[in-house]
């Protein structure tokens, strides 16, 4: 059968008033990934993408680099990221640290780890968010839809949380492993799944083959 290429969005705007938009580098990363797919002579049956701006812009850049404006694309909200601010506020009553400084970055992700574990373990209910069980269940339904409606290669553009949740589910990883996978994912990384109508399995995780040349050394980012 085919493969699912799980793509994390390009660099967004961490520490800015609006995080949900690609930086100039994030756009270049996305276009470069599309170019790499074209250079690799890959073909795709369809693309699925979350509805967040940074996800939509990543797919747009990817398609630009790939040169496949006729690629069938579908919006799928199940691939949207969790609300990191709500996750942190559920365990931290004070102002959320600004991650644009070194100390703020460290404290922000320390709290995010704590908040994610609490949410996953059902200890907190972040405002405006589903339970983690529902979040993960919606992702499994979206994956099942792809498995049963396609037979070729499919692109999925999403974010760290959904990708780590799917990968950890398929590998049987626990909550701590899921959080660490989430926070180690790099911008425009690719994780590959092999799928059939009845199952999916992990082939690779967090690859940046399109940025492997020294030319792109300073293009590797995490947020």
N, C-alpha and C. Protein backbone atom coordinates (compact mmCIF):
# COMPACT_ATOMS: atom_id res chain seq x y z
N UNK A 1 0.84 -1.20 0.00
CA UNK A 1 0.00 0.00 0.00
C UNK A 1 0.88 1.25 0.00
N UNK A 2 0.34 2.37 0.45
CA UNK A 2 1.07 3.62 0.38
C UNK A 2 1.71 4.04 1.68
N UNK A 3 2.23 5.26 1.69
CA UNK A 3 2.84 5.83 2.88
C UNK A 3 2.18 7.16 3.20
N UNK A 4 2.10 7.44 4.47
CA UNK A 4 1.63 8.73 4.95
C UNK A 4 2.84 9.52 5.40
N UNK A 5 2.99 10.72 4.87
CA UNK A 5 4.09 11.60 5.23
C UNK A 5 3.55 12.66 6.20
N UNK A 6 3.84 12.47 7.48
CA UNK A 6 3.40 13.42 8.50
C UNK A 6 4.40 14.57 8.55
N UNK A 7 3.95 15.77 8.22
CA UNK A 7 4.82 16.94 8.15
C UNK A 7 4.46 17.93 9.26
N UNK A 8 5.44 18.29 10.07
CA UNK A 8 5.19 19.36 11.03
C UNK A 8 5.34 20.70 10.31
N UNK A 9 4.57 21.68 10.73
CA UNK A 9 4.60 23.00 10.08
C UNK A 9 5.98 23.64 10.17
N UNK A 10 6.21 24.63 9.32
CA UNK A 10 7.45 25.39 9.35
C UNK A 10 7.54 26.27 10.58
N UNK A 11 8.68 26.91 10.74
CA UNK A 11 8.88 27.77 11.90
C UNK A 11 7.77 28.82 11.98
N UNK A 12 7.14 28.88 13.14
CA UNK A 12 6.07 29.86 13.35
C UNK A 12 6.65 31.09 14.05
N UNK A 13 5.86 31.77 14.85
CA UNK A 13 6.28 33.06 15.41
C UNK A 13 6.23 33.03 16.93
N UNK A 14 6.99 32.12 17.53
CA UNK A 14 7.04 31.98 18.98
C UNK A 14 7.53 33.27 19.63
N UNK A 15 6.79 33.71 20.65
CA UNK A 15 7.15 34.93 21.36
C UNK A 15 6.55 36.19 20.77
N UNK A 16 5.92 36.09 19.60
CA UNK A 16 5.27 37.23 18.96
C UNK A 16 3.81 37.31 19.41
N UNK A 17 3.16 38.42 19.09
CA UNK A 17 1.75 38.58 19.46
C UNK A 17 0.89 37.51 18.82
N UNK A 18 1.24 37.13 17.60
CA UNK A 18 0.49 36.07 16.90
C UNK A 18 1.45 34.95 16.53
N UNK A 19 1.42 33.88 17.30
CA UNK A 19 2.29 32.72 17.01
C UNK A 19 1.86 32.00 15.74
N UNK A 20 0.55 32.04 15.46
CA UNK A 20 -0.01 31.21 14.39
C UNK A 20 0.20 31.80 13.01
N UNK A 21 1.46 31.99 12.63
CA UNK A 21 1.81 32.37 11.27
C UNK A 21 3.27 32.01 11.05
N UNK A 22 3.61 31.63 9.85
CA UNK A 22 4.99 31.26 9.58
C UNK A 22 5.90 32.48 9.56
N UNK A 23 7.13 32.29 10.03
CA UNK A 23 8.16 33.30 9.87
C UNK A 23 8.65 33.24 8.42
N UNK A 24 9.50 34.18 8.05
CA UNK A 24 10.08 34.14 6.70
C UNK A 24 10.87 32.85 6.50
N UNK A 25 11.57 32.39 7.55
CA UNK A 25 12.30 31.14 7.46
C UNK A 25 11.35 29.96 7.35
N UNK A 26 10.24 30.01 8.08
CA UNK A 26 9.25 28.94 8.01
C UNK A 26 8.71 28.74 6.61
N UNK A 27 8.53 29.84 5.88
CA UNK A 27 8.07 29.75 4.49
C UNK A 27 9.13 29.08 3.63
N UNK A 28 10.39 29.48 3.82
CA UNK A 28 11.49 28.89 3.03
C UNK A 28 11.62 27.39 3.33
N UNK A 29 11.49 27.02 4.60
CA UNK A 29 11.55 25.60 4.97
C UNK A 29 10.48 24.80 4.24
N UNK A 30 9.28 25.36 4.17
CA UNK A 30 8.15 24.67 3.55
C UNK A 30 8.36 24.50 2.05
N UNK A 31 8.80 25.55 1.40
CA UNK A 31 9.07 25.47 -0.04
C UNK A 31 10.18 24.46 -0.31
N UNK A 32 11.21 24.48 0.54
CA UNK A 32 12.33 23.56 0.36
C UNK A 32 11.87 22.10 0.48
N UNK A 33 10.96 21.82 1.41
CA UNK A 33 10.45 20.46 1.54
C UNK A 33 9.73 20.03 0.27
N UNK A 34 8.94 20.92 -0.31
CA UNK A 34 8.27 20.61 -1.57
C UNK A 34 9.26 20.33 -2.68
N UNK A 35 10.32 21.13 -2.73
CA UNK A 35 11.36 20.90 -3.74
C UNK A 35 12.01 19.53 -3.55
N UNK A 36 12.25 19.16 -2.29
CA UNK A 36 12.86 17.86 -2.00
C UNK A 36 11.95 16.71 -2.44
N UNK A 37 10.67 16.83 -2.16
CA UNK A 37 9.73 15.80 -2.61
C UNK A 37 9.76 15.67 -4.13
N UNK A 38 9.84 16.80 -4.82
CA UNK A 38 9.90 16.78 -6.29
C UNK A 38 11.20 16.12 -6.75
N UNK A 39 12.32 16.49 -6.13
CA UNK A 39 13.63 15.91 -6.48
C UNK A 39 13.65 14.40 -6.25
N UNK A 40 12.85 13.95 -5.27
CA UNK A 40 12.79 12.52 -4.93
C UNK A 40 11.82 11.76 -5.81
N UNK A 41 11.19 12.47 -6.77
CA UNK A 41 10.24 11.86 -7.72
C UNK A 41 9.06 11.20 -7.01
N UNK A 42 8.65 11.79 -5.90
CA UNK A 42 7.48 11.27 -5.19
C UNK A 42 6.20 11.74 -5.85
N UNK A 43 5.18 10.94 -5.75
CA UNK A 43 3.85 11.34 -6.20
C UNK A 43 2.89 11.18 -5.02
N UNK A 44 1.87 12.01 -5.00
CA UNK A 44 0.93 11.99 -3.88
C UNK A 44 -0.51 11.93 -4.37
N UNK A 45 -1.27 11.14 -3.66
CA UNK A 45 -2.68 10.95 -4.00
C UNK A 45 -3.53 12.08 -3.43
N UNK A 46 -3.13 12.59 -2.27
CA UNK A 46 -3.92 13.63 -1.60
C UNK A 46 -3.09 14.26 -0.50
N UNK A 47 -3.58 15.39 0.01
CA UNK A 47 -2.95 16.05 1.15
C UNK A 47 -4.04 16.45 2.14
N UNK A 48 -3.78 16.24 3.41
CA UNK A 48 -4.68 16.66 4.49
C UNK A 48 -3.93 17.66 5.35
N UNK A 49 -4.66 18.64 5.86
CA UNK A 49 -4.01 19.69 6.63
C UNK A 49 -4.97 20.20 7.70
N UNK A 50 -4.40 20.57 8.86
CA UNK A 50 -5.22 21.21 9.89
C UNK A 50 -5.67 22.58 9.42
N UNK A 51 -6.50 23.23 10.21
CA UNK A 51 -7.06 24.52 9.80
C UNK A 51 -6.30 25.71 10.36
N UNK A 52 -5.24 25.48 11.14
CA UNK A 52 -4.45 26.58 11.69
C UNK A 52 -3.66 27.26 10.57
N UNK A 53 -3.43 28.57 10.72
CA UNK A 53 -2.78 29.35 9.67
C UNK A 53 -1.39 28.80 9.37
N UNK A 54 -0.60 28.49 10.40
CA UNK A 54 0.76 28.01 10.17
C UNK A 54 0.78 26.67 9.43
N UNK A 55 -0.24 25.86 9.62
CA UNK A 55 -0.34 24.59 8.91
C UNK A 55 -0.73 24.82 7.45
N UNK A 56 -1.72 25.70 7.25
CA UNK A 56 -2.16 26.02 5.89
C UNK A 56 -1.04 26.67 5.09
N UNK A 57 -0.29 27.57 5.71
CA UNK A 57 0.82 28.23 5.00
C UNK A 57 1.94 27.24 4.67
N UNK A 58 2.13 26.26 5.53
CA UNK A 58 3.15 25.25 5.26
C UNK A 58 2.78 24.42 4.04
N UNK A 59 1.52 24.00 3.97
CA UNK A 59 1.09 23.23 2.80
C UNK A 59 1.18 24.08 1.53
N UNK A 60 0.84 25.35 1.64
CA UNK A 60 0.93 26.24 0.47
C UNK A 60 2.37 26.32 -0.03
N UNK A 61 3.33 26.49 0.90
CA UNK A 61 4.73 26.56 0.51
C UNK A 61 5.22 25.25 -0.06
N UNK A 62 4.78 24.15 0.54
CA UNK A 62 5.17 22.82 0.06
C UNK A 62 4.68 22.60 -1.37
N UNK A 63 3.43 22.96 -1.62
CA UNK A 63 2.88 22.80 -2.96
C UNK A 63 3.62 23.69 -3.95
N UNK A 64 3.99 24.89 -3.52
CA UNK A 64 4.75 25.79 -4.38
C UNK A 64 6.08 25.15 -4.79
N UNK A 65 6.78 24.58 -3.82
CA UNK A 65 8.06 23.96 -4.12
C UNK A 65 7.92 22.70 -4.95
N UNK A 66 6.85 21.98 -4.72
CA UNK A 66 6.61 20.72 -5.42
C UNK A 66 6.07 20.95 -6.83
N UNK A 67 5.38 22.08 -7.01
CA UNK A 67 4.81 22.38 -8.32
C UNK A 67 3.60 21.55 -8.64
N UNK A 68 2.76 21.29 -7.62
CA UNK A 68 1.58 20.44 -7.83
C UNK A 68 0.33 21.18 -7.37
N UNK A 69 -0.03 22.20 -8.11
CA UNK A 69 -1.19 22.99 -7.73
C UNK A 69 -2.50 22.23 -7.85
N UNK A 70 -2.48 21.09 -8.54
CA UNK A 70 -3.70 20.30 -8.72
C UNK A 70 -3.83 19.20 -7.65
N UNK A 71 -2.94 19.20 -6.65
CA UNK A 71 -3.02 18.19 -5.60
C UNK A 71 -4.31 18.33 -4.81
N UNK A 72 -5.05 17.24 -4.67
CA UNK A 72 -6.31 17.27 -3.91
C UNK A 72 -6.00 17.47 -2.43
N UNK A 73 -6.54 18.55 -1.84
CA UNK A 73 -6.28 18.86 -0.44
C UNK A 73 -7.58 18.92 0.35
N UNK A 74 -7.51 18.51 1.61
CA UNK A 74 -8.68 18.51 2.48
C UNK A 74 -8.31 19.07 3.84
N UNK A 75 -9.12 19.98 4.36
CA UNK A 75 -8.93 20.48 5.72
C UNK A 75 -9.45 19.45 6.72
N UNK A 76 -8.67 19.20 7.77
CA UNK A 76 -9.07 18.23 8.78
C UNK A 76 -8.71 18.81 10.16
N UNK A 77 -9.70 19.35 10.89
CA UNK A 77 -9.44 19.97 12.19
C UNK A 77 -8.81 19.03 13.22
N UNK A 78 -8.96 17.72 13.04
CA UNK A 78 -8.34 16.78 13.98
C UNK A 78 -6.83 16.94 14.02
N UNK A 79 -6.24 17.49 12.95
CA UNK A 79 -4.79 17.67 12.90
C UNK A 79 -4.34 19.00 13.49
N UNK A 80 -5.26 19.76 14.07
CA UNK A 80 -4.89 21.01 14.73
C UNK A 80 -4.13 20.74 16.02
N UNK A 81 -3.29 21.70 16.40
CA UNK A 81 -2.52 21.59 17.63
C UNK A 81 -3.38 21.91 18.85
N UNK A 82 -2.97 21.41 20.00
CA UNK A 82 -3.59 21.82 21.27
C UNK A 82 -3.26 23.28 21.54
N UNK A 83 -3.99 23.88 22.46
CA UNK A 83 -3.75 25.27 22.85
C UNK A 83 -2.72 25.29 23.97
N UNK A 84 -1.47 25.62 23.64
CA UNK A 84 -0.40 25.56 24.64
C UNK A 84 -0.64 26.52 25.80
N UNK A 85 -1.21 27.69 25.52
CA UNK A 85 -1.48 28.65 26.60
C UNK A 85 -2.50 28.08 27.58
N UNK A 86 -3.55 27.44 27.07
CA UNK A 86 -4.56 26.84 27.94
C UNK A 86 -3.98 25.69 28.74
N UNK A 87 -3.10 24.90 28.11
CA UNK A 87 -2.45 23.78 28.80
C UNK A 87 -1.61 24.29 29.97
N UNK A 88 -0.86 25.37 29.74
CA UNK A 88 -0.02 25.93 30.80
C UNK A 88 -0.86 26.58 31.89
N UNK A 89 -1.89 27.33 31.51
CA UNK A 89 -2.73 28.02 32.50
C UNK A 89 -3.44 27.04 33.43
N UNK A 90 -3.65 25.82 32.98
CA UNK A 90 -4.31 24.82 33.81
C UNK A 90 -3.45 24.36 34.98
N UNK A 91 -2.13 24.63 34.88
CA UNK A 91 -1.22 24.22 35.97
C UNK A 91 -0.44 25.40 36.53
N UNK A 92 -0.68 26.60 36.00
CA UNK A 92 0.15 27.77 36.36
C UNK A 92 -0.75 29.00 36.38
N UNK A 93 -1.01 29.53 37.56
CA UNK A 93 -1.97 30.63 37.68
C UNK A 93 -1.38 31.99 37.38
N UNK A 94 -0.08 32.07 37.23
CA UNK A 94 0.57 33.36 36.99
C UNK A 94 0.73 33.62 35.49
N UNK A 95 1.33 34.76 35.16
CA UNK A 95 1.55 35.11 33.76
C UNK A 95 2.45 34.07 33.09
N UNK A 96 2.11 33.72 31.86
CA UNK A 96 2.90 32.75 31.11
C UNK A 96 4.22 33.39 30.69
N UNK A 97 5.35 32.73 30.95
CA UNK A 97 6.66 33.29 30.55
C UNK A 97 6.74 33.55 29.06
N UNK A 98 7.41 34.63 28.70
CA UNK A 98 7.62 34.94 27.28
C UNK A 98 8.81 34.13 26.77
N UNK A 99 8.59 33.24 25.82
CA UNK A 99 9.67 32.36 25.35
C UNK A 99 10.68 33.03 24.42
N UNK A 100 10.58 34.34 24.23
CA UNK A 100 11.51 35.02 23.34
C UNK A 100 12.86 35.30 24.00
N UNK A 101 12.94 35.10 25.34
CA UNK A 101 14.21 35.24 26.05
C UNK A 101 14.70 33.85 26.46
N UNK A 102 15.99 33.73 26.76
CA UNK A 102 16.56 32.43 27.11
C UNK A 102 15.90 31.85 28.35
N UNK A 103 15.77 32.66 29.40
CA UNK A 103 15.15 32.19 30.63
C UNK A 103 13.65 31.94 30.44
N UNK A 104 13.01 32.84 29.69
CA UNK A 104 11.59 32.68 29.43
C UNK A 104 11.31 31.41 28.63
N UNK A 105 12.18 31.12 27.67
CA UNK A 105 12.04 29.91 26.84
C UNK A 105 12.13 28.66 27.72
N UNK A 106 13.12 28.65 28.60
CA UNK A 106 13.32 27.50 29.48
C UNK A 106 12.12 27.29 30.39
N UNK A 107 11.62 28.37 30.98
CA UNK A 107 10.49 28.26 31.90
C UNK A 107 9.20 27.90 31.17
N UNK A 108 9.02 28.45 29.97
CA UNK A 108 7.83 28.16 29.17
C UNK A 108 7.71 26.66 28.90
N UNK A 109 8.81 26.05 28.45
CA UNK A 109 8.74 24.64 28.09
C UNK A 109 8.75 23.73 29.32
N UNK A 110 9.29 24.21 30.43
CA UNK A 110 9.16 23.46 31.68
C UNK A 110 7.70 23.37 32.08
N UNK A 111 7.00 24.47 32.00
CA UNK A 111 5.57 24.49 32.34
C UNK A 111 4.74 23.72 31.31
N UNK A 112 5.14 23.81 30.04
CA UNK A 112 4.40 23.09 29.00
C UNK A 112 4.50 21.58 29.23
N UNK A 113 5.68 21.09 29.59
CA UNK A 113 5.84 19.67 29.91
C UNK A 113 4.89 19.26 31.03
N UNK A 114 4.88 20.05 32.10
CA UNK A 114 4.03 19.76 33.24
C UNK A 114 2.57 19.78 32.84
N UNK A 115 2.18 20.81 32.07
CA UNK A 115 0.79 20.94 31.64
C UNK A 115 0.35 19.82 30.74
N UNK A 116 1.21 19.40 29.83
CA UNK A 116 0.86 18.31 28.93
C UNK A 116 0.67 17.00 29.68
N UNK A 117 1.56 16.71 30.59
CA UNK A 117 1.42 15.47 31.37
C UNK A 117 0.13 15.47 32.19
N UNK A 118 -0.18 16.60 32.78
CA UNK A 118 -1.41 16.70 33.59
C UNK A 118 -2.64 16.52 32.72
N UNK A 119 -2.63 17.10 31.54
CA UNK A 119 -3.76 16.96 30.60
C UNK A 119 -3.89 15.52 30.12
N UNK A 120 -2.79 14.92 29.73
CA UNK A 120 -2.81 13.55 29.23
C UNK A 120 -3.29 12.56 30.30
N UNK A 121 -2.95 12.84 31.54
CA UNK A 121 -3.31 11.95 32.64
C UNK A 121 -4.69 12.26 33.23
N UNK A 122 -5.39 13.23 32.62
CA UNK A 122 -6.74 13.57 33.06
C UNK A 122 -6.79 14.34 34.36
N UNK A 123 -5.68 14.95 34.76
CA UNK A 123 -5.64 15.70 36.02
C UNK A 123 -6.13 17.13 35.85
N UNK A 124 -6.09 17.65 34.62
CA UNK A 124 -6.55 19.01 34.34
C UNK A 124 -7.47 19.01 33.14
N UNK A 125 -8.27 20.07 33.04
CA UNK A 125 -9.16 20.28 31.90
C UNK A 125 -8.92 21.68 31.36
N UNK A 126 -7.92 21.85 30.49
CA UNK A 126 -7.61 23.17 29.93
C UNK A 126 -8.84 23.81 29.30
N UNK A 127 -9.03 25.08 29.57
CA UNK A 127 -10.20 25.81 29.09
C UNK A 127 -10.27 25.82 27.56
N UNK A 128 -11.43 25.47 27.03
CA UNK A 128 -11.65 25.51 25.59
C UNK A 128 -11.08 24.35 24.82
N UNK A 129 -10.56 23.34 25.54
CA UNK A 129 -9.96 22.20 24.87
C UNK A 129 -10.70 20.91 25.19
N UNK A 130 -10.63 19.93 24.30
CA UNK A 130 -11.21 18.62 24.60
C UNK A 130 -10.34 17.89 25.62
N UNK A 131 -10.85 16.81 26.16
CA UNK A 131 -10.01 15.95 26.98
C UNK A 131 -8.95 15.34 26.08
N UNK A 132 -7.85 14.87 26.68
CA UNK A 132 -6.82 14.25 25.84
C UNK A 132 -7.36 13.00 25.15
N UNK A 133 -8.21 12.27 25.85
CA UNK A 133 -8.80 11.06 25.27
C UNK A 133 -9.56 11.41 23.99
N UNK A 134 -10.30 12.50 24.01
CA UNK A 134 -11.05 12.92 22.82
C UNK A 134 -10.10 13.41 21.73
N UNK A 135 -9.08 14.18 22.12
CA UNK A 135 -8.07 14.68 21.19
C UNK A 135 -7.42 13.53 20.44
N UNK A 136 -6.98 12.51 21.19
CA UNK A 136 -6.33 11.34 20.59
C UNK A 136 -7.31 10.52 19.76
N UNK A 137 -8.54 10.41 20.24
CA UNK A 137 -9.54 9.65 19.51
C UNK A 137 -9.86 10.26 18.16
N UNK A 138 -9.94 11.59 18.10
CA UNK A 138 -10.21 12.26 16.82
C UNK A 138 -9.07 12.04 15.83
N UNK A 139 -7.84 12.00 16.34
CA UNK A 139 -6.69 11.74 15.47
C UNK A 139 -6.74 10.32 14.91
N UNK A 140 -7.11 9.37 15.73
CA UNK A 140 -7.22 7.99 15.26
C UNK A 140 -8.30 7.86 14.19
N UNK A 141 -9.41 8.58 14.37
CA UNK A 141 -10.46 8.56 13.36
C UNK A 141 -9.96 9.15 12.04
N UNK A 142 -9.20 10.24 12.12
CA UNK A 142 -8.66 10.87 10.91
C UNK A 142 -7.68 9.93 10.21
N UNK A 143 -6.85 9.24 10.99
CA UNK A 143 -5.92 8.27 10.41
C UNK A 143 -6.67 7.12 9.75
N UNK A 144 -7.70 6.65 10.41
CA UNK A 144 -8.50 5.55 9.85
C UNK A 144 -9.17 5.96 8.54
N UNK A 145 -9.60 7.22 8.47
CA UNK A 145 -10.21 7.72 7.23
C UNK A 145 -9.21 7.63 6.08
N UNK A 146 -7.99 8.06 6.32
CA UNK A 146 -6.97 8.01 5.28
C UNK A 146 -6.70 6.56 4.86
N UNK A 147 -6.59 5.69 5.85
CA UNK A 147 -6.28 4.28 5.56
C UNK A 147 -7.36 3.62 4.70
N UNK A 148 -8.59 4.01 4.92
CA UNK A 148 -9.69 3.35 4.22
C UNK A 148 -10.15 4.07 2.95
N UNK A 149 -9.61 5.26 2.70
CA UNK A 149 -10.02 6.01 1.51
C UNK A 149 -8.90 6.22 0.49
N UNK A 150 -7.70 5.76 0.82
CA UNK A 150 -6.57 5.96 -0.09
C UNK A 150 -5.74 4.69 -0.20
N UNK A 151 -4.95 4.63 -1.26
CA UNK A 151 -4.05 3.49 -1.46
C UNK A 151 -2.63 3.93 -1.78
N UNK A 152 -2.43 5.22 -2.07
CA UNK A 152 -1.11 5.73 -2.43
C UNK A 152 -0.50 6.59 -1.35
N UNK A 153 0.47 7.40 -1.75
CA UNK A 153 1.14 8.29 -0.81
C UNK A 153 0.25 9.48 -0.47
N UNK A 154 0.24 9.85 0.81
CA UNK A 154 -0.59 10.94 1.30
C UNK A 154 0.24 11.84 2.19
N UNK A 155 0.10 13.15 2.01
CA UNK A 155 0.75 14.13 2.88
C UNK A 155 -0.24 14.55 3.97
N UNK A 156 0.24 14.66 5.21
CA UNK A 156 -0.55 15.23 6.29
C UNK A 156 0.28 16.35 6.92
N UNK A 157 -0.19 17.57 6.85
CA UNK A 157 0.50 18.71 7.47
C UNK A 157 -0.18 19.02 8.79
N UNK A 158 0.57 18.93 9.86
CA UNK A 158 0.00 19.08 11.20
C UNK A 158 0.98 19.81 12.10
N UNK A 159 0.97 19.45 13.38
CA UNK A 159 1.82 20.09 14.39
C UNK A 159 2.42 19.03 15.30
N UNK A 160 3.29 19.47 16.21
CA UNK A 160 4.00 18.55 17.07
C UNK A 160 3.12 17.67 17.92
N UNK A 161 2.08 18.24 18.53
CA UNK A 161 1.21 17.47 19.41
C UNK A 161 0.48 16.34 18.71
N UNK A 162 -0.23 16.61 17.63
CA UNK A 162 -0.92 15.54 16.91
C UNK A 162 0.03 14.49 16.35
N UNK A 163 1.17 14.92 15.79
CA UNK A 163 2.11 13.95 15.22
C UNK A 163 2.67 13.05 16.31
N UNK A 164 3.08 13.63 17.43
CA UNK A 164 3.62 12.83 18.53
C UNK A 164 2.55 11.90 19.11
N UNK A 165 1.32 12.35 19.13
CA UNK A 165 0.23 11.51 19.65
C UNK A 165 0.01 10.29 18.76
N UNK A 166 0.01 10.49 17.44
CA UNK A 166 -0.15 9.37 16.52
C UNK A 166 1.03 8.40 16.59
N UNK A 167 2.25 8.94 16.57
CA UNK A 167 3.44 8.10 16.60
C UNK A 167 3.50 7.30 17.90
N UNK A 168 3.24 7.96 19.03
CA UNK A 168 3.32 7.27 20.32
C UNK A 168 2.25 6.20 20.44
N UNK A 169 1.08 6.45 19.85
CA UNK A 169 0.02 5.44 19.86
C UNK A 169 0.45 4.21 19.07
N UNK A 170 1.03 4.41 17.90
CA UNK A 170 1.43 3.28 17.06
C UNK A 170 2.60 2.51 17.67
N UNK A 171 3.46 3.21 18.43
CA UNK A 171 4.61 2.56 19.05
C UNK A 171 4.32 2.05 20.46
N UNK A 172 3.17 2.42 21.01
CA UNK A 172 2.84 2.01 22.37
C UNK A 172 3.62 2.75 23.43
N UNK A 173 4.01 4.00 23.13
CA UNK A 173 4.78 4.80 24.10
C UNK A 173 3.85 5.38 25.16
N UNK A 174 4.39 5.67 26.33
CA UNK A 174 3.62 6.24 27.42
C UNK A 174 3.56 7.76 27.35
N UNK A 175 2.98 8.37 28.37
CA UNK A 175 2.78 9.82 28.38
C UNK A 175 4.09 10.59 28.33
N UNK A 176 5.09 10.18 29.13
CA UNK A 176 6.36 10.91 29.14
C UNK A 176 7.03 10.83 27.77
N UNK A 177 7.02 9.65 27.17
CA UNK A 177 7.59 9.50 25.84
C UNK A 177 6.87 10.36 24.81
N UNK A 178 5.55 10.44 24.95
CA UNK A 178 4.75 11.25 24.02
C UNK A 178 5.12 12.72 24.12
N UNK A 179 5.28 13.21 25.34
CA UNK A 179 5.65 14.62 25.54
C UNK A 179 7.03 14.90 24.96
N UNK A 180 7.98 14.01 25.22
CA UNK A 180 9.33 14.22 24.72
C UNK A 180 9.38 14.17 23.19
N UNK A 181 8.62 13.27 22.58
CA UNK A 181 8.52 13.25 21.12
C UNK A 181 8.00 14.59 20.62
N UNK A 182 6.96 15.08 21.26
CA UNK A 182 6.33 16.33 20.87
C UNK A 182 7.35 17.47 20.86
N UNK A 183 8.12 17.59 21.92
CA UNK A 183 9.01 18.74 22.07
C UNK A 183 10.33 18.58 21.32
N UNK A 184 10.57 17.41 20.74
CA UNK A 184 11.79 17.20 19.94
C UNK A 184 11.54 17.35 18.44
N UNK A 185 10.29 17.46 18.05
CA UNK A 185 9.99 17.58 16.62
C UNK A 185 10.48 18.91 16.06
N UNK A 186 11.13 18.83 14.91
CA UNK A 186 11.70 20.02 14.28
C UNK A 186 10.76 20.54 13.18
N UNK A 187 10.92 21.80 12.87
CA UNK A 187 10.03 22.41 11.87
C UNK A 187 10.23 21.79 10.49
N UNK A 188 9.13 21.46 9.85
CA UNK A 188 9.02 20.78 8.55
C UNK A 188 9.66 19.39 8.56
N UNK A 189 9.81 18.79 9.77
CA UNK A 189 10.29 17.41 9.80
C UNK A 189 9.23 16.49 9.20
N UNK A 190 9.69 15.34 8.74
CA UNK A 190 8.82 14.34 8.14
C UNK A 190 8.90 13.04 8.94
N UNK A 191 7.75 12.50 9.29
CA UNK A 191 7.66 11.18 9.91
C UNK A 191 6.81 10.32 8.97
N UNK A 192 7.29 9.12 8.66
CA UNK A 192 6.62 8.28 7.66
C UNK A 192 5.87 7.11 8.30
N UNK A 193 4.68 6.88 7.81
CA UNK A 193 3.89 5.72 8.21
C UNK A 193 3.59 4.88 6.98
N UNK A 194 3.73 3.58 7.11
CA UNK A 194 3.24 2.67 6.08
C UNK A 194 1.83 2.25 6.49
N UNK A 195 0.91 2.22 5.52
CA UNK A 195 -0.47 1.89 5.90
C UNK A 195 -1.12 0.91 4.93
N UNK A 196 -2.05 0.18 5.46
CA UNK A 196 -2.96 -0.69 4.70
C UNK A 196 -4.36 -0.35 5.19
N UNK A 197 -5.41 -0.94 4.63
CA UNK A 197 -6.76 -0.64 5.13
C UNK A 197 -6.98 -1.04 6.59
N UNK A 198 -6.13 -1.89 7.12
CA UNK A 198 -6.37 -2.41 8.48
C UNK A 198 -5.38 -1.93 9.53
N UNK A 199 -4.23 -1.38 9.11
CA UNK A 199 -3.27 -0.97 10.12
C UNK A 199 -2.29 0.05 9.56
N UNK A 200 -1.55 0.69 10.47
CA UNK A 200 -0.48 1.61 10.08
C UNK A 200 0.73 1.32 10.97
N UNK A 201 1.92 1.52 10.44
CA UNK A 201 3.14 1.29 11.21
C UNK A 201 4.15 2.39 10.93
N UNK A 202 4.99 2.66 11.92
CA UNK A 202 5.96 3.75 11.83
C UNK A 202 7.19 3.29 11.07
N UNK A 203 7.60 4.07 10.08
CA UNK A 203 8.83 3.80 9.32
C UNK A 203 9.95 4.72 9.77
N UNK A 204 9.64 6.00 9.96
CA UNK A 204 10.67 6.96 10.36
C UNK A 204 10.04 8.06 11.20
N UNK A 205 10.90 8.83 11.89
CA UNK A 205 10.42 9.86 12.79
C UNK A 205 11.35 11.07 12.75
N UNK A 206 10.76 12.27 12.57
CA UNK A 206 11.48 13.54 12.76
C UNK A 206 12.64 13.74 11.78
N UNK A 207 12.45 13.30 10.52
CA UNK A 207 13.51 13.43 9.53
C UNK A 207 13.56 14.83 8.93
N UNK A 208 14.79 15.28 8.62
CA UNK A 208 15.00 16.55 7.92
C UNK A 208 15.92 16.32 6.72
N UNK A 209 15.62 15.32 5.92
CA UNK A 209 16.47 15.00 4.78
C UNK A 209 16.58 16.17 3.81
N UNK A 210 15.53 16.98 3.73
CA UNK A 210 15.54 18.11 2.80
C UNK A 210 16.46 19.25 3.27
N UNK A 211 16.91 19.18 4.52
CA UNK A 211 17.80 20.22 5.06
C UNK A 211 19.14 19.62 5.47
N UNK A 212 19.53 18.51 4.85
CA UNK A 212 20.73 17.79 5.28
C UNK A 212 22.03 18.42 4.79
N UNK A 213 21.97 19.23 3.74
CA UNK A 213 23.19 19.84 3.22
C UNK A 213 23.66 20.98 4.13
N UNK A 214 24.98 21.24 4.18
CA UNK A 214 25.51 22.33 5.00
C UNK A 214 24.87 23.68 4.70
N UNK A 215 24.41 23.84 3.47
CA UNK A 215 23.75 25.09 3.06
C UNK A 215 22.58 25.43 3.98
N UNK A 216 21.93 24.39 4.50
CA UNK A 216 20.71 24.59 5.29
C UNK A 216 20.92 24.41 6.80
N UNK A 217 22.17 24.44 7.23
CA UNK A 217 22.46 24.18 8.65
C UNK A 217 21.73 25.13 9.59
N UNK A 218 21.59 26.38 9.20
CA UNK A 218 20.93 27.36 10.07
C UNK A 218 19.42 27.46 9.79
N UNK A 219 18.89 26.51 9.02
CA UNK A 219 17.45 26.45 8.76
C UNK A 219 16.76 25.51 9.74
N UNK A 220 17.50 24.83 10.59
CA UNK A 220 16.92 23.82 11.49
C UNK A 220 16.43 24.50 12.77
N UNK A 221 15.12 24.44 12.98
CA UNK A 221 14.48 25.11 14.12
C UNK A 221 13.47 24.19 14.77
N UNK A 222 13.01 24.58 15.96
CA UNK A 222 12.14 23.72 16.76
C UNK A 222 10.79 24.34 17.09
N UNK A 223 10.56 25.60 16.82
CA UNK A 223 9.31 26.23 17.23
C UNK A 223 8.64 27.02 16.11
